[in-house]
Protein backbone atom coordinates (compact mmCIF):
# COMPACT_ATOMS: atom_id res chain seq x y z
CA MET A 1 -17.38 2.74 -13.81
CA ASP A 2 -16.89 -0.62 -15.50
CA THR A 3 -13.86 -2.84 -15.00
CA ASN A 4 -12.07 -1.67 -18.14
CA ASP A 5 -12.48 2.01 -17.20
CA LEU A 6 -11.27 1.31 -13.67
CA HIS A 7 -8.20 -0.50 -15.01
CA LYS A 8 -7.40 2.46 -17.29
CA PHE A 9 -7.88 4.91 -14.43
CA LEU A 10 -5.57 2.97 -12.11
CA HIS A 11 -3.00 2.68 -14.89
CA PHE A 12 -3.18 6.48 -15.28
CA LEU A 13 -2.73 6.98 -11.51
CA ASN A 14 0.22 4.61 -11.57
CA HIS A 15 1.81 6.59 -14.38
CA VAL A 16 1.23 10.00 -12.77
CA PHE A 17 2.04 9.12 -9.16
CA ASN A 18 4.75 6.52 -9.74
CA ASP A 19 7.27 8.46 -7.66
CA SER A 20 4.86 9.27 -4.85
CA VAL A 21 5.85 7.52 -1.62
CA MET A 22 2.25 6.82 -0.60
CA TRP A 23 1.47 5.35 -3.99
CA ARG A 24 4.57 3.11 -3.80
CA ILE A 25 3.47 1.92 -0.35
CA ILE A 26 -0.05 1.13 -1.57
CA LYS A 27 1.28 -0.69 -4.64
CA THR A 28 3.72 -2.69 -2.52
CA LEU A 29 1.01 -3.68 -0.06
CA SER A 30 -1.30 -4.66 -2.91
CA ARG A 31 1.21 -7.37 -3.85
CA SER A 32 1.10 -9.06 -0.44
CA GLU A 33 -1.22 -10.15 2.33
CA GLY A 34 0.75 -8.14 4.89
CA LEU A 35 4.33 -7.04 5.48
CA THR A 36 6.48 -6.11 8.42
CA LEU A 37 7.64 -2.52 8.55
CA ARG A 38 11.17 -3.56 7.61
CA GLU A 39 10.02 -5.62 4.62
CA LEU A 40 7.65 -2.89 3.43
CA ALA A 41 10.48 -0.36 3.67
CA ARG A 42 12.78 -2.61 1.66
CA ARG A 43 10.24 -3.41 -1.06
CA SER A 44 8.94 0.14 -1.43
CA GLU A 45 12.46 1.62 -1.15
CA VAL A 46 11.55 3.97 1.70
CA ALA A 47 13.60 4.37 4.88
CA PRO A 48 11.83 2.80 7.90
CA LYS A 49 11.88 6.08 9.84
CA THR A 50 10.28 7.89 6.90
CA LEU A 51 7.78 5.09 6.41
CA TYR A 52 6.28 5.59 9.89
CA LYS A 53 4.69 8.95 9.03
CA TYR A 54 3.22 7.65 5.79
CA ILE A 55 1.83 4.53 7.44
CA ASP A 56 0.27 6.68 10.16
CA ALA A 57 -1.41 8.91 7.56
CA LEU A 58 -2.64 5.92 5.54
CA GLN A 59 -3.99 4.29 8.69
CA ARG A 60 -5.91 7.45 9.68
CA LYS A 61 -7.47 7.50 6.20
CA GLY A 62 -8.48 3.84 6.53
CA VAL A 63 -6.28 2.62 3.69
CA VAL A 64 -4.06 0.33 5.78
CA GLU A 65 -4.49 -1.73 8.92
CA ILE A 66 -1.78 -2.50 11.43
CA TYR A 67 -1.61 -5.73 13.43
CA ARG A 68 0.77 -6.30 16.29
CA PRO A 69 1.23 -10.06 16.78
CA GLY A 70 4.06 -9.34 19.21
CA PRO A 71 5.50 -6.44 21.17
CA ARG A 72 8.17 -5.68 18.56
CA VAL A 73 6.40 -6.87 15.40
CA MET A 74 4.06 -4.78 13.27
CA ILE A 75 2.25 -6.25 10.25
CA ILE A 76 0.87 -3.72 7.77
CA LYS A 77 -1.70 -4.59 5.13
CA LEU A 78 -4.32 -2.94 2.96
CA SER A 79 -7.60 -2.57 4.79
CA GLU A 80 -10.54 -4.69 3.68
CA ARG A 81 -12.12 -1.54 2.26
CA TYR A 82 -9.23 -1.21 -0.23
CA ALA A 83 -8.45 -4.90 -0.77
CA TRP A 84 -10.03 -4.66 -4.24
CA LEU A 85 -6.95 -2.69 -5.35
CA ARG A 86 -4.95 -5.93 -5.36
CA GLN A 87 -6.81 -7.18 -8.39
CA TYR A 88 -6.17 -4.03 -10.41
CA LEU A 89 -2.77 -2.79 -9.28
CA ASN A 90 -1.08 -6.11 -9.92
CA HIS A 91 -1.84 -5.65 -13.63
CA THR A 92 -0.37 -2.15 -13.98
């Protein structure tokens, strides 16, 4: 799949799954180098308690990574495997 086809495919996914919570989380994370749970919830418009289950599922699938720089701080970011999405999702 060349770059143009990939861009069209991601644009299609964005159009179809725009209201999907997981898709909103992935798009929000693609626009940053890492966010706290509270900031991710605010930017993706998902309640923090609801966000936990989605983050857990995305982490099990290897889409996101979680870092804990402190006992009460959690930084969530796209995994290196999916970091390439940044380039394409920021144009859709």
